[in-house]
Amino acid sequence: MARYRESVCRICRRENMKLFLKGDRCYSDKCAFDRRGYAPGQHGQRRTKLSEYGIQLREKQKVKRNYGLSEKQFRLTFFKADRLKGVTGANLLMSLERRLDNVVYRLGFGSSRAQSRQLVRHSHFLVNGRKVNIPSYVIKPNDVIELKEGSRSVQVVNDALDAVVRRGIPQWLELDKSGFKGIVRSIPVRDDITMPIQEQLIVELYSK
């Protein structure tokens, strides 16, 4: 599957929001968004007025890039959320939050979602005692996500756990740092997502 392999700092600058795609670097003075808070490219500092479609597109791109999905993955996730009961936009965000790679990131085992996705793909985690290496695996209430015994000495995991206080753990998750495991206390709700997202714009974009 195609992956974006260029500088991810350009993404934050393009979306005009710090998405914390580089982990610890985003909290340091080296953060490109803090140093150059305008869009990349030779015309990045020009003032541009977006059309209605452009505003909707940028909102979709921001959310898609924040969770690290391809266009096809994001579109499929949206259509699945659209078939669920309730508000489509909220269902979309809840579906993204319940991905295993995102939960690993939220628990603090990875410094970024990209790093968390790689850890999952390399079979470092167990879900309810069983190996799961699918980043899009959907977690459920009372699921236990545990780092494998042989992976507890991995330096990047320990470094991320040491810095988890800076990010904090969402209320719907519980971290047992000494036991290298986390518990899903409940299904996340819309209020658990603090990132400024206007999901209704995404719904309007896909409804055209």
N, C-alpha and C. Protein backbone atom coordinates (compact mmCIF):
# COMPACT_ATOMS: atom_id res chain seq x y z
N MET A 1 0.84 -1.18 0.00
CA MET A 1 0.00 0.00 0.00
C MET A 1 0.88 1.24 0.00
N ALA A 2 0.47 2.25 -0.77
CA ALA A 2 1.25 3.48 -0.88
C ALA A 2 1.27 4.21 0.46
N ARG A 3 2.43 4.73 0.80
CA ARG A 3 2.59 5.50 2.03
C ARG A 3 3.29 6.81 1.72
N TYR A 4 2.94 7.85 2.44
CA TYR A 4 3.60 9.14 2.31
C TYR A 4 4.97 9.02 2.95
N ARG A 5 6.02 9.30 2.19
CA ARG A 5 7.38 9.11 2.68
C ARG A 5 8.19 10.41 2.69
N GLU A 6 7.52 11.53 2.46
CA GLU A 6 8.22 12.81 2.51
C GLU A 6 8.19 13.36 3.94
N SER A 7 8.63 14.58 4.12
CA SER A 7 8.65 15.20 5.45
C SER A 7 7.22 15.39 5.97
N VAL A 8 6.93 14.80 7.12
CA VAL A 8 5.58 14.93 7.68
C VAL A 8 5.36 16.31 8.28
N CYS A 9 6.44 17.04 8.55
CA CYS A 9 6.28 18.40 9.07
C CYS A 9 5.58 19.30 8.04
N ARG A 10 5.75 18.97 6.77
CA ARG A 10 5.06 19.73 5.72
C ARG A 10 3.55 19.55 5.82
N ILE A 11 3.12 18.40 6.31
CA ILE A 11 1.69 18.14 6.44
C ILE A 11 1.08 19.08 7.47
N CYS A 12 1.73 19.21 8.62
CA CYS A 12 1.23 20.12 9.66
C CYS A 12 1.14 21.55 9.12
N ARG A 13 2.16 21.95 8.40
CA ARG A 13 2.17 23.31 7.86
C ARG A 13 1.07 23.48 6.80
N ARG A 14 0.85 22.45 6.01
CA ARG A 14 -0.19 22.53 4.98
C ARG A 14 -1.58 22.61 5.59
N GLU A 15 -1.81 21.87 6.67
CA GLU A 15 -3.12 21.85 7.31
C GLU A 15 -3.27 22.96 8.34
N ASN A 16 -2.22 23.77 8.53
CA ASN A 16 -2.24 24.89 9.47
C ASN A 16 -2.61 24.46 10.88
N MET A 17 -2.08 23.31 11.28
CA MET A 17 -2.34 22.80 12.62
C MET A 17 -1.26 21.80 13.00
N LYS A 18 -0.82 21.86 14.23
CA LYS A 18 0.18 20.90 14.70
C LYS A 18 -0.52 19.57 14.96
N LEU A 19 -0.15 18.53 14.18
CA LEU A 19 -0.79 17.22 14.27
C LEU A 19 0.05 16.23 15.08
N PHE A 20 1.21 16.65 15.56
CA PHE A 20 2.09 15.82 16.39
C PHE A 20 2.46 14.52 15.69
N LEU A 21 2.85 14.65 14.43
CA LEU A 21 3.20 13.48 13.62
C LEU A 21 4.63 13.01 13.84
N LYS A 22 5.45 13.83 14.50
CA LYS A 22 6.86 13.48 14.71
C LYS A 22 7.16 13.15 16.17
N GLY A 23 6.14 12.96 16.98
CA GLY A 23 6.37 12.57 18.36
C GLY A 23 7.05 13.65 19.18
N ASP A 24 8.18 13.31 19.81
CA ASP A 24 8.87 14.23 20.71
C ASP A 24 9.34 15.50 20.02
N ARG A 25 9.67 15.41 18.74
CA ARG A 25 10.16 16.59 18.02
C ARG A 25 9.12 17.71 18.02
N CYS A 26 7.84 17.33 18.01
CA CYS A 26 6.76 18.33 17.97
C CYS A 26 6.70 19.15 19.25
N TYR A 27 7.28 18.65 20.33
CA TYR A 27 7.27 19.37 21.61
C TYR A 27 8.56 20.18 21.81
N SER A 28 9.47 20.09 20.87
CA SER A 28 10.77 20.76 21.01
C SER A 28 10.82 22.04 20.17
N ASP A 29 11.94 22.75 20.30
CA ASP A 29 12.15 23.97 19.53
C ASP A 29 12.40 23.69 18.06
N LYS A 30 12.62 22.44 17.70
CA LYS A 30 12.88 22.07 16.32
C LYS A 30 11.61 21.91 15.49
N CYS A 31 10.45 22.01 16.13
CA CYS A 31 9.18 21.82 15.43
C CYS A 31 9.06 22.79 14.26
N ALA A 32 8.90 22.26 13.05
CA ALA A 32 8.84 23.09 11.85
C ALA A 32 7.60 23.97 11.83
N PHE A 33 6.51 23.49 12.42
CA PHE A 33 5.28 24.28 12.42
C PHE A 33 5.44 25.54 13.27
N ASP A 34 6.14 25.42 14.41
CA ASP A 34 6.37 26.58 15.26
C ASP A 34 7.35 27.56 14.61
N ARG A 35 8.31 27.02 13.87
CA ARG A 35 9.32 27.87 13.26
C ARG A 35 8.83 28.52 11.97
N ARG A 36 8.00 27.79 11.22
CA ARG A 36 7.47 28.32 9.95
C ARG A 36 5.99 27.97 9.87
N GLY A 37 5.19 28.76 10.52
CA GLY A 37 3.76 28.46 10.61
C GLY A 37 2.96 28.89 9.41
N TYR A 38 3.42 28.53 8.24
CA TYR A 38 2.69 28.82 7.01
C TYR A 38 2.84 27.63 6.07
N ALA A 39 2.01 27.59 5.04
CA ALA A 39 2.00 26.45 4.12
C ALA A 39 3.34 26.31 3.41
N PRO A 40 3.76 25.08 3.10
CA PRO A 40 5.04 24.88 2.41
C PRO A 40 4.95 25.34 0.95
N GLY A 41 6.11 25.48 0.33
CA GLY A 41 6.15 25.88 -1.07
C GLY A 41 6.41 27.36 -1.24
N GLN A 42 6.74 27.77 -2.46
CA GLN A 42 7.12 29.16 -2.72
C GLN A 42 5.95 30.13 -2.57
N HIS A 43 4.71 29.61 -2.63
CA HIS A 43 3.54 30.48 -2.49
C HIS A 43 2.87 30.30 -1.13
N GLY A 44 3.57 29.66 -0.20
CA GLY A 44 2.96 29.32 1.08
C GLY A 44 2.54 30.51 1.92
N GLN A 45 3.23 31.65 1.77
CA GLN A 45 2.93 32.80 2.61
C GLN A 45 1.87 33.72 2.00
N ARG A 46 1.37 33.35 0.84
CA ARG A 46 0.30 34.15 0.23
C ARG A 46 -1.03 33.89 0.92
N ARG A 47 -1.85 34.92 0.97
CA ARG A 47 -3.19 34.77 1.52
C ARG A 47 -4.09 34.15 0.45
N THR A 48 -4.78 33.10 0.80
CA THR A 48 -5.67 32.45 -0.15
C THR A 48 -7.05 32.30 0.47
N LYS A 49 -8.06 32.48 -0.34
CA LYS A 49 -9.44 32.33 0.11
C LYS A 49 -9.99 31.03 -0.45
N LEU A 50 -10.33 30.11 0.42
CA LEU A 50 -10.81 28.80 0.00
C LEU A 50 -12.29 28.84 -0.35
N SER A 51 -12.65 28.04 -1.33
CA SER A 51 -14.06 27.87 -1.66
C SER A 51 -14.71 26.95 -0.62
N GLU A 52 -16.01 26.78 -0.71
CA GLU A 52 -16.71 25.87 0.21
C GLU A 52 -16.17 24.45 0.08
N TYR A 53 -15.95 24.03 -1.15
CA TYR A 53 -15.37 22.70 -1.38
C TYR A 53 -13.96 22.61 -0.79
N GLY A 54 -13.18 23.68 -0.96
CA GLY A 54 -11.82 23.68 -0.45
C GLY A 54 -11.77 23.56 1.06
N ILE A 55 -12.70 24.22 1.75
CA ILE A 55 -12.76 24.13 3.21
C ILE A 55 -13.09 22.71 3.65
N GLN A 56 -14.05 22.09 2.96
CA GLN A 56 -14.43 20.71 3.27
C GLN A 56 -13.30 19.74 3.00
N LEU A 57 -12.60 19.95 1.90
CA LEU A 57 -11.49 19.08 1.53
C LEU A 57 -10.36 19.17 2.55
N ARG A 58 -10.03 20.39 2.97
CA ARG A 58 -8.95 20.55 3.94
C ARG A 58 -9.29 19.88 5.27
N GLU A 59 -10.54 19.93 5.66
CA GLU A 59 -10.94 19.28 6.92
C GLU A 59 -10.81 17.77 6.81
N LYS A 60 -11.20 17.23 5.66
CA LYS A 60 -11.05 15.78 5.45
C LYS A 60 -9.60 15.38 5.43
N GLN A 61 -8.76 16.15 4.74
CA GLN A 61 -7.34 15.86 4.66
C GLN A 61 -6.68 15.93 6.04
N LYS A 62 -7.09 16.89 6.85
CA LYS A 62 -6.52 17.05 8.18
C LYS A 62 -6.78 15.81 9.03
N VAL A 63 -8.02 15.34 9.02
CA VAL A 63 -8.37 14.17 9.83
C VAL A 63 -7.71 12.91 9.28
N LYS A 64 -7.73 12.76 7.97
CA LYS A 64 -7.13 11.59 7.34
C LYS A 64 -5.64 11.50 7.65
N ARG A 65 -4.95 12.62 7.56
CA ARG A 65 -3.51 12.62 7.81
C ARG A 65 -3.19 12.50 9.28
N ASN A 66 -4.05 13.02 10.13
CA ASN A 66 -3.83 12.90 11.57
C ASN A 66 -3.82 11.44 12.01
N TYR A 67 -4.73 10.64 11.46
CA TYR A 67 -4.82 9.23 11.82
C TYR A 67 -3.97 8.34 10.91
N GLY A 68 -3.34 8.92 9.90
CA GLY A 68 -2.41 8.17 9.06
C GLY A 68 -3.05 7.17 8.12
N LEU A 69 -4.22 7.49 7.58
CA LEU A 69 -4.91 6.58 6.67
C LEU A 69 -4.71 7.00 5.22
N SER A 70 -4.82 6.02 4.33
CA SER A 70 -4.81 6.32 2.90
C SER A 70 -6.21 6.81 2.52
N GLU A 71 -6.34 7.34 1.32
CA GLU A 71 -7.64 7.83 0.87
C GLU A 71 -8.67 6.71 0.84
N LYS A 72 -8.27 5.54 0.37
CA LYS A 72 -9.20 4.42 0.28
C LYS A 72 -9.63 3.95 1.67
N GLN A 73 -8.69 3.86 2.59
CA GLN A 73 -9.01 3.45 3.96
C GLN A 73 -9.98 4.43 4.61
N PHE A 74 -9.72 5.72 4.41
CA PHE A 74 -10.58 6.73 5.04
C PHE A 74 -11.98 6.70 4.46
N ARG A 75 -12.06 6.54 3.15
CA ARG A 75 -13.38 6.50 2.50
C ARG A 75 -14.19 5.29 2.97
N LEU A 76 -13.54 4.14 3.06
CA LEU A 76 -14.24 2.93 3.55
C LEU A 76 -14.69 3.11 4.99
N THR A 77 -13.85 3.73 5.80
CA THR A 77 -14.22 3.98 7.20
C THR A 77 -15.43 4.90 7.28
N PHE A 78 -15.46 5.90 6.40
CA PHE A 78 -16.60 6.82 6.40
C PHE A 78 -17.89 6.10 6.03
N PHE A 79 -17.85 5.29 4.99
CA PHE A 79 -19.07 4.62 4.54
C PHE A 79 -19.56 3.60 5.58
N LYS A 80 -18.64 2.97 6.30
CA LYS A 80 -19.04 2.08 7.40
C LYS A 80 -19.71 2.89 8.51
N ALA A 81 -19.15 4.05 8.82
CA ALA A 81 -19.74 4.90 9.86
C ALA A 81 -21.10 5.43 9.43
N ASP A 82 -21.27 5.65 8.14
CA ASP A 82 -22.54 6.17 7.62
C ASP A 82 -23.67 5.16 7.77
N ARG A 83 -23.31 3.86 7.81
CA ARG A 83 -24.33 2.81 7.94
C ARG A 83 -24.71 2.54 9.40
N LEU A 84 -23.98 3.11 10.33
CA LEU A 84 -24.27 2.90 11.75
C LEU A 84 -25.37 3.85 12.21
N LYS A 85 -26.04 3.49 13.30
CA LYS A 85 -27.04 4.37 13.89
C LYS A 85 -26.35 5.56 14.55
N GLY A 86 -27.04 6.70 14.54
CA GLY A 86 -26.47 7.87 15.18
C GLY A 86 -25.97 8.90 14.17
N VAL A 87 -25.16 9.83 14.65
CA VAL A 87 -24.63 10.91 13.83
C VAL A 87 -23.41 10.41 13.06
N THR A 88 -23.43 10.55 11.76
CA THR A 88 -22.37 9.99 10.92
C THR A 88 -21.00 10.56 11.26
N GLY A 89 -20.90 11.86 11.45
CA GLY A 89 -19.62 12.47 11.75
C GLY A 89 -19.01 11.96 13.04
N ALA A 90 -19.83 11.86 14.08
CA ALA A 90 -19.35 11.34 15.36
C ALA A 90 -18.98 9.87 15.23
N ASN A 91 -19.77 9.11 14.48
CA ASN A 91 -19.46 7.68 14.26
C ASN A 91 -18.11 7.52 13.57
N LEU A 92 -17.81 8.42 12.63
CA LEU A 92 -16.54 8.36 11.91
C LEU A 92 -15.37 8.56 12.87
N LEU A 93 -15.45 9.57 13.71
CA LEU A 93 -14.37 9.84 14.65
C LEU A 93 -14.21 8.72 15.67
N MET A 94 -15.33 8.15 16.11
CA MET A 94 -15.26 7.06 17.08
C MET A 94 -14.62 5.81 16.44
N SER A 95 -14.93 5.58 15.17
CA SER A 95 -14.33 4.45 14.45
C SER A 95 -12.82 4.62 14.32
N LEU A 96 -12.38 5.83 14.06
CA LEU A 96 -10.95 6.11 13.95
C LEU A 96 -10.25 5.96 15.30
N GLU A 97 -10.92 6.41 16.36
CA GLU A 97 -10.33 6.33 17.69
C GLU A 97 -10.18 4.88 18.16
N ARG A 98 -11.04 3.99 17.70
CA ARG A 98 -11.04 2.61 18.17
C ARG A 98 -10.08 1.71 17.40
N ARG A 99 -9.36 2.26 16.43
CA ARG A 99 -8.34 1.47 15.74
C ARG A 99 -7.24 1.10 16.72
N LEU A 100 -6.68 -0.09 16.57
CA LEU A 100 -5.66 -0.57 17.50
C LEU A 100 -4.42 0.33 17.49
N ASP A 101 -3.98 0.78 16.32
CA ASP A 101 -2.78 1.62 16.29
C ASP A 101 -3.01 2.94 17.03
N ASN A 102 -4.24 3.47 16.95
CA ASN A 102 -4.55 4.70 17.68
C ASN A 102 -4.60 4.46 19.18
N VAL A 103 -5.17 3.32 19.58
CA VAL A 103 -5.26 3.00 21.01
C VAL A 103 -3.86 2.81 21.60
N VAL A 104 -2.97 2.15 20.86
CA VAL A 104 -1.58 1.99 21.31
C VAL A 104 -0.92 3.35 21.49
N TYR A 105 -1.20 4.27 20.56
CA TYR A 105 -0.67 5.63 20.66
C TYR A 105 -1.26 6.36 21.86
N ARG A 106 -2.57 6.25 22.03
CA ARG A 106 -3.25 6.93 23.14
C ARG A 106 -2.77 6.43 24.50
N LEU A 107 -2.42 5.16 24.56
CA LEU A 107 -1.93 4.59 25.82
C LEU A 107 -0.49 5.00 26.11
N GLY A 108 0.20 5.51 25.10
CA GLY A 108 1.56 5.99 25.31
C GLY A 108 2.66 5.02 24.96
N PHE A 109 2.32 3.90 24.30
CA PHE A 109 3.35 2.94 23.91
C PHE A 109 4.17 3.42 22.71
N GLY A 110 3.63 4.37 21.96
CA GLY A 110 4.34 4.93 20.83
C GLY A 110 4.31 6.44 20.90
N SER A 111 5.34 7.09 20.41
CA SER A 111 5.41 8.55 20.47
C SER A 111 4.59 9.21 19.38
N SER A 112 4.20 8.43 18.36
CA SER A 112 3.36 8.94 17.29
C SER A 112 2.49 7.80 16.78
N ARG A 113 1.48 8.12 15.99
CA ARG A 113 0.63 7.05 15.45
C ARG A 113 1.40 6.21 14.44
N ALA A 114 2.30 6.83 13.70
CA ALA A 114 3.10 6.08 12.73
C ALA A 114 3.98 5.06 13.44
N GLN A 115 4.61 5.47 14.53
CA GLN A 115 5.44 4.54 15.30
C GLN A 115 4.59 3.45 15.93
N SER A 116 3.41 3.81 16.42
CA SER A 116 2.51 2.83 17.03
C SER A 116 2.04 1.81 15.99
N ARG A 117 1.77 2.30 14.78
CA ARG A 117 1.35 1.39 13.70
C ARG A 117 2.45 0.39 13.38
N GLN A 118 3.68 0.84 13.36
CA GLN A 118 4.80 -0.05 13.07
C GLN A 118 4.97 -1.09 14.18
N LEU A 119 4.80 -0.67 15.43
CA LEU A 119 4.90 -1.61 16.55
C LEU A 119 3.82 -2.69 16.46
N VAL A 120 2.62 -2.28 16.07
CA VAL A 120 1.54 -3.26 15.92
C VAL A 120 1.84 -4.21 14.78
N ARG A 121 2.30 -3.68 13.65
CA ARG A 121 2.59 -4.52 12.49
C ARG A 121 3.71 -5.52 12.77
N HIS A 122 4.62 -5.16 13.66
CA HIS A 122 5.72 -6.06 14.00
C HIS A 122 5.38 -7.00 15.15
N SER A 123 4.10 -7.11 15.46
CA SER A 123 3.57 -8.11 16.41
C SER A 123 4.12 -7.94 17.82
N HIS A 124 4.19 -6.70 18.29
CA HIS A 124 4.67 -6.46 19.65
C HIS A 124 3.54 -6.52 20.68
N PHE A 125 2.28 -6.56 20.22
CA PHE A 125 1.16 -6.44 21.16
C PHE A 125 0.22 -7.64 21.13
N LEU A 126 -0.38 -7.88 22.29
CA LEU A 126 -1.42 -8.89 22.46
C LEU A 126 -2.72 -8.18 22.82
N VAL A 127 -3.81 -8.67 22.27
CA VAL A 127 -5.14 -8.18 22.63
C VAL A 127 -5.90 -9.35 23.26
N ASN A 128 -6.19 -9.21 24.53
CA ASN A 128 -6.84 -10.29 25.29
C ASN A 128 -6.04 -11.58 25.21
N GLY A 129 -4.71 -11.44 25.25
CA GLY A 129 -3.84 -12.61 25.26
C GLY A 129 -3.52 -13.19 23.90
N ARG A 130 -4.07 -12.62 22.83
CA ARG A 130 -3.83 -13.14 21.49
C ARG A 130 -3.07 -12.12 20.65
N LYS A 131 -2.14 -12.61 19.83
CA LYS A 131 -1.36 -11.72 18.98
C LYS A 131 -2.24 -11.08 17.92
N VAL A 132 -2.14 -9.76 17.80
CA VAL A 132 -2.86 -9.01 16.77
C VAL A 132 -1.87 -8.05 16.11
N ASN A 133 -1.69 -8.19 14.82
CA ASN A 133 -0.76 -7.31 14.10
C ASN A 133 -1.45 -6.53 12.99
N ILE A 134 -2.73 -6.25 13.19
CA ILE A 134 -3.52 -5.50 12.21
C ILE A 134 -3.83 -4.12 12.79
N PRO A 135 -3.23 -3.06 12.28
CA PRO A 135 -3.44 -1.72 12.83
C PRO A 135 -4.90 -1.27 12.86
N SER A 136 -5.70 -1.73 11.90
CA SER A 136 -7.10 -1.30 11.82
C SER A 136 -8.03 -2.14 12.69
N TYR A 137 -7.48 -3.08 13.44
CA TYR A 137 -8.30 -3.91 14.35
C TYR A 137 -9.10 -3.00 15.28
N VAL A 138 -10.39 -3.26 15.41
CA VAL A 138 -11.27 -2.41 16.21
C VAL A 138 -11.38 -2.97 17.63
N ILE A 139 -11.00 -2.16 18.59
CA ILE A 139 -11.04 -2.61 19.98
C ILE A 139 -12.47 -2.48 20.52
N LYS A 140 -12.75 -3.21 21.59
CA LYS A 140 -14.06 -3.23 22.23
C LYS A 140 -13.89 -2.96 23.73
N PRO A 141 -14.97 -2.59 24.41
CA PRO A 141 -14.87 -2.36 25.86
C PRO A 141 -14.34 -3.60 26.58
N ASN A 142 -13.51 -3.36 27.59
CA ASN A 142 -12.89 -4.40 28.42
C ASN A 142 -11.76 -5.15 27.73
N ASP A 143 -11.42 -4.76 26.51
CA ASP A 143 -10.25 -5.37 25.86
C ASP A 143 -8.98 -4.97 26.62
N VAL A 144 -8.04 -5.90 26.67
CA VAL A 144 -6.76 -5.65 27.33
C VAL A 144 -5.67 -5.67 26.26
N ILE A 145 -4.99 -4.54 26.10
CA ILE A 145 -3.88 -4.43 25.15
C ILE A 145 -2.58 -4.51 25.94
N GLU A 146 -1.77 -5.51 25.63
CA GLU A 146 -0.57 -5.78 26.43
C GLU A 146 0.66 -5.92 25.54
N LEU A 147 1.75 -5.32 25.99
CA LEU A 147 3.02 -5.48 25.29
C LEU A 147 3.59 -6.86 25.58
N LYS A 148 4.03 -7.56 24.53
CA LYS A 148 4.57 -8.90 24.71
C LYS A 148 5.77 -8.89 25.65
N GLU A 149 5.95 -10.00 26.37
CA GLU A 149 7.03 -10.11 27.35
C GLU A 149 8.38 -9.82 26.73
N GLY A 150 8.62 -10.34 25.54
CA GLY A 150 9.92 -10.17 24.90
C GLY A 150 10.13 -8.79 24.30
N SER A 151 9.08 -7.95 24.30
CA SER A 151 9.20 -6.62 23.70
C SER A 151 9.30 -5.51 24.73
N ARG A 152 9.32 -5.87 26.01
CA ARG A 152 9.28 -4.84 27.05
C ARG A 152 10.61 -4.12 27.24
N SER A 153 11.64 -4.58 26.57
CA SER A 153 12.93 -3.90 26.65
C SER A 153 13.18 -3.01 25.43
N VAL A 154 12.19 -2.93 24.52
CA VAL A 154 12.34 -2.08 23.34
C VAL A 154 12.47 -0.63 23.77
N GLN A 155 13.54 0.02 23.34
CA GLN A 155 13.86 1.35 23.85
C GLN A 155 12.82 2.39 23.47
N VAL A 156 12.32 2.34 22.22
CA VAL A 156 11.37 3.37 21.79
C VAL A 156 10.08 3.31 22.60
N VAL A 157 9.69 2.11 23.01
CA VAL A 157 8.48 1.95 23.82
C VAL A 157 8.69 2.56 25.20
N ASN A 158 9.82 2.26 25.82
CA ASN A 158 10.11 2.79 27.14
C ASN A 158 10.27 4.31 27.13
N ASP A 159 10.87 4.83 26.07
CA ASP A 159 11.00 6.28 25.95
C ASP A 159 9.63 6.93 25.82
N ALA A 160 8.74 6.30 25.05
CA ALA A 160 7.40 6.85 24.86
C ALA A 160 6.61 6.81 26.17
N LEU A 161 6.73 5.73 26.92
CA LEU A 161 6.03 5.61 28.19
C LEU A 161 6.53 6.63 29.21
N ASP A 162 7.81 6.94 29.16
CA ASP A 162 8.36 7.94 30.07
C ASP A 162 7.80 9.33 29.78
N ALA A 163 7.41 9.55 28.53
CA ALA A 163 6.91 10.88 28.14
C ALA A 163 5.38 10.95 28.08
N VAL A 164 4.70 9.89 28.51
CA VAL A 164 3.24 9.84 28.36
C VAL A 164 2.55 10.88 29.24
N VAL A 165 3.18 11.31 30.32
CA VAL A 165 2.57 12.30 31.21
C VAL A 165 2.32 13.60 30.45
N ARG A 166 3.17 13.90 29.50
CA ARG A 166 3.04 15.13 28.71
C ARG A 166 1.76 15.12 27.88
N ARG A 167 1.37 13.96 27.36
CA ARG A 167 0.16 13.86 26.53
C ARG A 167 -1.08 13.57 27.35
N GLY A 168 -0.93 12.72 28.36
CA GLY A 168 -2.08 12.32 29.15
C GLY A 168 -2.80 11.13 28.53
N ILE A 169 -3.56 10.42 29.35
CA ILE A 169 -4.32 9.26 28.90
C ILE A 169 -5.81 9.61 28.87
N PRO A 170 -6.51 9.32 27.77
CA PRO A 170 -7.95 9.61 27.71
C PRO A 170 -8.73 8.88 28.80
N GLN A 171 -9.87 9.42 29.18
CA GLN A 171 -10.67 8.84 30.25
C GLN A 171 -11.18 7.45 29.91
N TRP A 172 -11.33 7.15 28.63
CA TRP A 172 -11.91 5.86 28.26
C TRP A 172 -10.86 4.74 28.23
N LEU A 173 -9.61 5.10 28.53
CA LEU A 173 -8.54 4.12 28.60
C LEU A 173 -7.88 4.15 29.98
N GLU A 174 -7.29 3.02 30.35
CA GLU A 174 -6.57 2.92 31.62
C GLU A 174 -5.22 2.26 31.37
N LEU A 175 -4.15 2.90 31.82
CA LEU A 175 -2.80 2.39 31.59
C LEU A 175 -2.21 1.82 32.86
N ASP A 176 -1.71 0.59 32.77
CA ASP A 176 -0.91 -0.02 33.83
C ASP A 176 0.53 0.03 33.35
N LYS A 177 1.22 1.11 33.68
CA LYS A 177 2.56 1.35 33.15
C LYS A 177 3.54 0.27 33.57
N SER A 178 3.48 -0.15 34.84
CA SER A 178 4.42 -1.16 35.33
C SER A 178 4.15 -2.52 34.71
N GLY A 179 2.89 -2.77 34.34
CA GLY A 179 2.54 -4.06 33.74
C GLY A 179 2.56 -4.04 32.23
N PHE A 180 2.92 -2.89 31.63
CA PHE A 180 2.98 -2.73 30.17
C PHE A 180 1.67 -3.15 29.50
N LYS A 181 0.55 -2.71 30.07
CA LYS A 181 -0.74 -3.04 29.46
C LYS A 181 -1.74 -1.92 29.69
N GLY A 182 -2.75 -1.92 28.85
CA GLY A 182 -3.81 -0.94 28.97
C GLY A 182 -5.16 -1.62 28.85
N ILE A 183 -6.18 -1.02 29.46
CA ILE A 183 -7.53 -1.58 29.45
C ILE A 183 -8.48 -0.56 28.84
N VAL A 184 -9.34 -1.04 27.96
CA VAL A 184 -10.36 -0.19 27.34
C VAL A 184 -11.55 -0.16 28.29
N ARG A 185 -11.73 0.94 28.98
CA ARG A 185 -12.78 1.04 29.98
C ARG A 185 -14.16 1.21 29.35
N SER A 186 -14.21 1.91 28.21
CA SER A 186 -15.50 2.17 27.55
C SER A 186 -15.26 2.58 26.11
N ILE A 187 -16.33 2.72 25.37
CA ILE A 187 -16.26 3.22 24.00
C ILE A 187 -16.04 4.74 24.06
N PRO A 188 -15.13 5.28 23.29
CA PRO A 188 -14.92 6.74 23.31
C PRO A 188 -16.16 7.48 22.80
N VAL A 189 -16.38 8.66 23.31
CA VAL A 189 -17.48 9.51 22.86
C VAL A 189 -16.89 10.76 22.23
N ARG A 190 -17.75 11.54 21.59
CA ARG A 190 -17.25 12.72 20.85
C ARG A 190 -16.49 13.69 21.74
N ASP A 191 -16.92 13.86 22.97
CA ASP A 191 -16.26 14.82 23.87
C ASP A 191 -14.86 14.39 24.26
N ASP A 192 -14.50 13.12 24.02
CA ASP A 192 -13.16 12.64 24.37
C ASP A 192 -12.11 13.13 23.38
N ILE A 193 -12.54 13.62 22.23
CA ILE A 193 -11.60 14.10 21.21
C ILE A 193 -11.46 15.60 21.35
N THR A 194 -10.30 16.04 21.77
CA THR A 194 -10.07 17.46 22.01
C THR A 194 -9.54 18.19 20.79
N MET A 195 -9.07 17.45 19.80
CA MET A 195 -8.56 18.10 18.59
C MET A 195 -9.70 18.83 17.88
N PRO A 196 -9.48 20.09 17.47
CA PRO A 196 -10.55 20.84 16.79
C PRO A 196 -10.87 20.27 15.42
N ILE A 197 -11.96 19.51 15.36
CA ILE A 197 -12.40 18.88 14.11
C ILE A 197 -13.85 19.25 13.85
N GLN A 198 -14.15 19.67 12.64
CA GLN A 198 -15.52 19.93 12.23
C GLN A 198 -15.96 18.79 11.32
N GLU A 199 -16.37 17.70 11.94
CA GLU A 199 -16.68 16.50 11.17
C GLU A 199 -17.85 16.67 10.21
N GLN A 200 -18.73 17.65 10.48
CA GLN A 200 -19.86 17.86 9.59
C GLN A 200 -19.40 18.27 8.20
N LEU A 201 -18.26 18.96 8.12
CA LEU A 201 -17.71 19.34 6.81
C LEU A 201 -17.32 18.12 6.00
N ILE A 202 -16.82 17.08 6.69
CA ILE A 202 -16.44 15.84 5.99
C ILE A 202 -17.69 15.14 5.49
N VAL A 203 -18.73 15.13 6.30
CA VAL A 203 -19.98 14.51 5.88
C VAL A 203 -20.54 15.22 4.66
N GLU A 204 -20.48 16.54 4.66
CA GLU A 204 -20.99 17.31 3.52
C GLU A 204 -20.16 17.04 2.27
N LEU A 205 -18.84 16.85 2.45
CA LEU A 205 -17.98 16.58 1.30
C LEU A 205 -18.34 15.26 0.65
N TYR A 206 -18.53 14.22 1.43
CA TYR A 206 -18.84 12.90 0.88
C TYR A 206 -20.31 12.76 0.45
N SER A 207 -21.12 13.73 0.83
CA SER A 207 -22.55 13.67 0.47
C SER A 207 -22.83 14.29 -0.89
N LYS A 208 -21.80 14.88 -1.51
CA LYS A 208 -22.01 15.52 -2.81
C LYS A 208 -22.15 14.50 -3.92
